[in-house]
């Protein structure tokens, strides 16, 4: 998993769940609360 990666890297993910996990992780690294991201 790339540290400090951008959402663009999730394009190669195989499943929607994996993409969502990667996306949330990326948002958290940028300082965006996970609850806010889910809204």
PDB file of N, CA and C in Angstrom:
ATOM      1  N   UNK A   1       0.846  -1.201   0.000  1.00  0.00           N
ATOM      2  CA  UNK A   1       0.000   0.000   0.000  1.00  0.00           C
ATOM      3  C   UNK A   1       0.884   1.255   0.000  1.00  0.00           C
ATOM      4  N   UNK A   2       0.640   2.137  -0.918  1.00  0.00           N
ATOM      5  CA  UNK A   2       1.469   3.326  -1.038  1.00  0.00           C
ATOM      6  C   UNK A   2       1.177   4.317   0.078  1.00  0.00           C
ATOM      7  N   UNK A   3       2.220   4.821   0.689  1.00  0.00           N
ATOM      8  CA  UNK A   3       2.036   5.774   1.782  1.00  0.00           C
ATOM      9  C   UNK A   3       1.790   7.174   1.223  1.00  0.00           C
ATOM     10  N   UNK A   4       0.715   7.816   1.672  1.00  0.00           N
ATOM     11  CA  UNK A   4       0.396   9.148   1.185  1.00  0.00           C
ATOM     12  C   UNK A   4      -0.079   9.132  -0.258  1.00  0.00           C
ATOM     13  N   UNK A   5      -0.604   7.979  -0.695  1.00  0.00           N
ATOM     14  CA  UNK A   5      -1.048   7.840  -2.081  1.00  0.00           C
ATOM     15  C   UNK A   5      -2.290   8.654  -2.375  1.00  0.00           C
ATOM     16  N   UNK A   6      -2.474   8.980  -3.632  1.00  0.00           N
ATOM     17  CA  UNK A   6      -3.664   9.713  -4.066  1.00  0.00           C
ATOM     18  C   UNK A   6      -4.741   8.721  -4.505  1.00  0.00           C
ATOM     19  N   UNK A   7      -6.013   9.146  -4.483  1.00  0.00           N
ATOM     20  CA  UNK A   7      -7.131   8.277  -4.898  1.00  0.00           C
ATOM     21  C   UNK A   7      -6.914   7.655  -6.277  1.00  0.00           C
ATOM     22  N   UNK A   8      -6.080   8.254  -7.105  1.00  0.00           N
ATOM     23  CA  UNK A   8      -5.831   7.746  -8.450  1.00  0.00           C
ATOM     24  C   UNK A   8      -5.268   6.326  -8.430  1.00  0.00           C
ATOM     25  N   UNK A   9      -4.547   5.978  -7.369  1.00  0.00           N
ATOM     26  CA  UNK A   9      -3.918   4.657  -7.299  1.00  0.00           C
ATOM     27  C   UNK A   9      -4.937   3.547  -7.114  1.00  0.00           C
ATOM     28  N   UNK A  10      -6.150   3.898  -6.668  1.00  0.00           N
ATOM     29  CA  UNK A  10      -7.167   2.881  -6.414  1.00  0.00           C
ATOM     30  C   UNK A  10      -7.789   2.361  -7.700  1.00  0.00           C
ATOM     31  N   UNK A  11      -7.492   2.995  -8.823  1.00  0.00           N
ATOM     32  CA  UNK A  11      -8.079   2.602 -10.100  1.00  0.00           C
ATOM     33  C   UNK A  11      -7.734   1.159 -10.446  1.00  0.00           C
ATOM     34  N   UNK A  12      -6.621   0.666  -9.920  1.00  0.00           N
ATOM     35  CA  UNK A  12      -6.194  -0.695 -10.225  1.00  0.00           C
ATOM     36  C   UNK A  12      -6.752  -1.715  -9.239  1.00  0.00           C
ATOM     37  N   UNK A  13      -7.538  -1.246  -8.260  1.00  0.00           N
ATOM     38  CA  UNK A  13      -8.113  -2.157  -7.270  1.00  0.00           C
ATOM     39  C   UNK A  13      -9.142  -3.072  -7.920  1.00  0.00           C
ATOM     40  N   UNK A  14      -9.264  -4.287  -7.389  1.00  0.00           N
ATOM     41  CA  UNK A  14     -10.114  -5.291  -8.029  1.00  0.00           C
ATOM     42  C   UNK A  14     -11.573  -5.229  -7.589  1.00  0.00           C
ATOM     43  N   UNK A  15     -11.842  -4.734  -6.384  1.00  0.00           N
ATOM     44  CA  UNK A  15     -13.215  -4.719  -5.890  1.00  0.00           C
ATOM     45  C   UNK A  15     -13.612  -3.355  -5.363  1.00  0.00           C
ATOM     46  N   UNK A  16     -14.912  -3.081  -5.348  1.00  0.00           N
ATOM     47  CA  UNK A  16     -15.409  -1.802  -4.839  1.00  0.00           C
ATOM     48  C   UNK A  16     -15.039  -1.624  -3.378  1.00  0.00           C
ATOM     49  N   UNK A  17     -15.097  -2.708  -2.606  1.00  0.00           N
ATOM     50  CA  UNK A  17     -14.756  -2.630  -1.189  1.00  0.00           C
ATOM     51  C   UNK A  17     -13.293  -2.229  -1.021  1.00  0.00           C
ATOM     52  N   UNK A  18     -12.424  -2.813  -1.816  1.00  0.00           N
ATOM     53  CA  UNK A  18     -11.005  -2.494  -1.740  1.00  0.00           C
ATOM     54  C   UNK A  18     -10.776  -1.031  -2.119  1.00  0.00           C
ATOM     55  N   UNK A  19     -11.484  -0.583  -3.160  1.00  0.00           N
ATOM     56  CA  UNK A  19     -11.377   0.810  -3.590  1.00  0.00           C
ATOM     57  C   UNK A  19     -11.826   1.738  -2.470  1.00  0.00           C
ATOM     58  N   UNK A  20     -12.935   1.385  -1.823  1.00  0.00           N
ATOM     59  CA  UNK A  20     -13.454   2.203  -0.728  1.00  0.00           C
ATOM     60  C   UNK A  20     -12.459   2.266   0.425  1.00  0.00           C
ATOM     61  N   UNK A  21     -11.854   1.128   0.751  1.00  0.00           N
ATOM     62  CA  UNK A  21     -10.852   1.079   1.827  1.00  0.00           C
ATOM     63  C   UNK A  21      -9.663   1.983   1.489  1.00  0.00           C
ATOM     64  N   UNK A  22      -9.183   1.876   0.261  1.00  0.00           N
ATOM     65  CA  UNK A  22      -8.047   2.684  -0.178  1.00  0.00           C
ATOM     66  C   UNK A  22      -8.395   4.171  -0.143  1.00  0.00           C
ATOM     67  N   UNK A  23      -9.613   4.482  -0.603  1.00  0.00           N
ATOM     68  CA  UNK A  23     -10.052   5.873  -0.662  1.00  0.00           C
ATOM     69  C   UNK A  23     -10.152   6.482   0.734  1.00  0.00           C
ATOM     70  N   UNK A  24     -10.780   5.743   1.653  1.00  0.00           N
ATOM     71  CA  UNK A  24     -10.912   6.232   3.027  1.00  0.00           C
ATOM     72  C   UNK A  24      -9.538   6.394   3.673  1.00  0.00           C
ATOM     73  N   UNK A  25      -8.645   5.450   3.410  1.00  0.00           N
ATOM     74  CA  UNK A  25      -7.294   5.529   3.967  1.00  0.00           C
ATOM     75  C   UNK A  25      -6.581   6.775   3.450  1.00  0.00           C
ATOM     76  N   UNK A  26      -6.780   7.070   2.170  1.00  0.00           N
ATOM     77  CA  UNK A  26      -6.159   8.242   1.567  1.00  0.00           C
ATOM     78  C   UNK A  26      -6.716   9.517   2.192  1.00  0.00           C
ATOM     79  N   UNK A  27      -8.037   9.552   2.395  1.00  0.00           N
ATOM     80  CA  UNK A  27      -8.664  10.723   3.009  1.00  0.00           C
ATOM     81  C   UNK A  27      -8.152  10.930   4.429  1.00  0.00           C
ATOM     82  N   UNK A  28      -8.013   9.835   5.173  1.00  0.00           N
ATOM     83  CA  UNK A  28      -7.528   9.922   6.551  1.00  0.00           C
ATOM     84  C   UNK A  28      -6.098  10.453   6.587  1.00  0.00           C
ATOM     85  N   UNK A  29      -5.290  10.055   5.616  1.00  0.00           N
ATOM     86  CA  UNK A  29      -3.908  10.522   5.562  1.00  0.00           C
ATOM     87  C   UNK A  29      -3.861  12.021   5.268  1.00  0.00           C
ATOM     88  N   UNK A  30      -4.876  12.512   4.560  1.00  0.00           N
ATOM     89  CA  UNK A  30      -4.943  13.936   4.242  1.00  0.00           C
ATOM     90  C   UNK A  30      -5.581  14.731   5.380  1.00  0.00           C
ATOM     91  N   UNK A  31      -6.037  14.026   6.419  1.00  0.00           N
ATOM     92  CA  UNK A  31      -6.595  14.690   7.584  1.00  0.00           C
ATOM     93  C   UNK A  31      -8.105  14.848   7.535  1.00  0.00           C
ATOM     94  N   UNK A  32      -8.762  14.106   6.653  1.00  0.00           N
ATOM     95  CA  UNK A  32     -10.219  14.180   6.552  1.00  0.00           C
ATOM     96  C   UNK A  32     -10.839  13.052   7.379  1.00  0.00           C
ATOM     97  N   UNK A  33     -11.688  13.377   8.357  1.00  0.00           N
ATOM     98  CA  UNK A  33     -12.331  12.361   9.199  1.00  0.00           C
ATOM     99  C   UNK A  33     -13.126  11.362   8.375  1.00  0.00           C
ATOM    100  N   UNK A  34     -13.058  10.091   8.760  1.00  0.00           N
ATOM    101  CA  UNK A  34     -13.739   9.036   8.011  1.00  0.00           C
ATOM    102  C   UNK A  34     -15.249   9.242   7.999  1.00  0.00           C
ATOM    103  N   UNK A  35     -15.802   9.726   9.104  1.00  0.00           N
ATOM    104  CA  UNK A  35     -17.245   9.948   9.175  1.00  0.00           C
ATOM    105  C   UNK A  35     -17.684  10.995   8.164  1.00  0.00           C
ATOM    106  N   UNK A  36     -16.863  12.009   7.971  1.00  0.00           N
ATOM    107  CA  UNK A  36     -17.174  13.060   7.005  1.00  0.00           C
ATOM    108  C   UNK A  36     -17.135  12.499   5.589  1.00  0.00           C
ATOM    109  N   UNK A  37     -16.179  11.620   5.341  1.00  0.00           N
ATOM    110  CA  UNK A  37     -16.020  11.037   4.014  1.00  0.00           C
ATOM    111  C   UNK A  37     -17.209  10.168   3.634  1.00  0.00           C
ATOM    112  N   UNK A  38     -17.834   9.528   4.632  1.00  0.00           N
ATOM    113  CA  UNK A  38     -18.951   8.625   4.360  1.00  0.00           C
ATOM    114  C   UNK A  38     -20.242   9.367   4.014  1.00  0.00           C
ATOM    115  N   UNK A  39     -20.327  10.630   4.394  1.00  0.00           N
ATOM    116  CA  UNK A  39     -21.560  11.386   4.162  1.00  0.00           C
ATOM    117  C   UNK A  39     -21.745  11.763   2.708  1.00  0.00           C
TER     118      UNK A  39
END
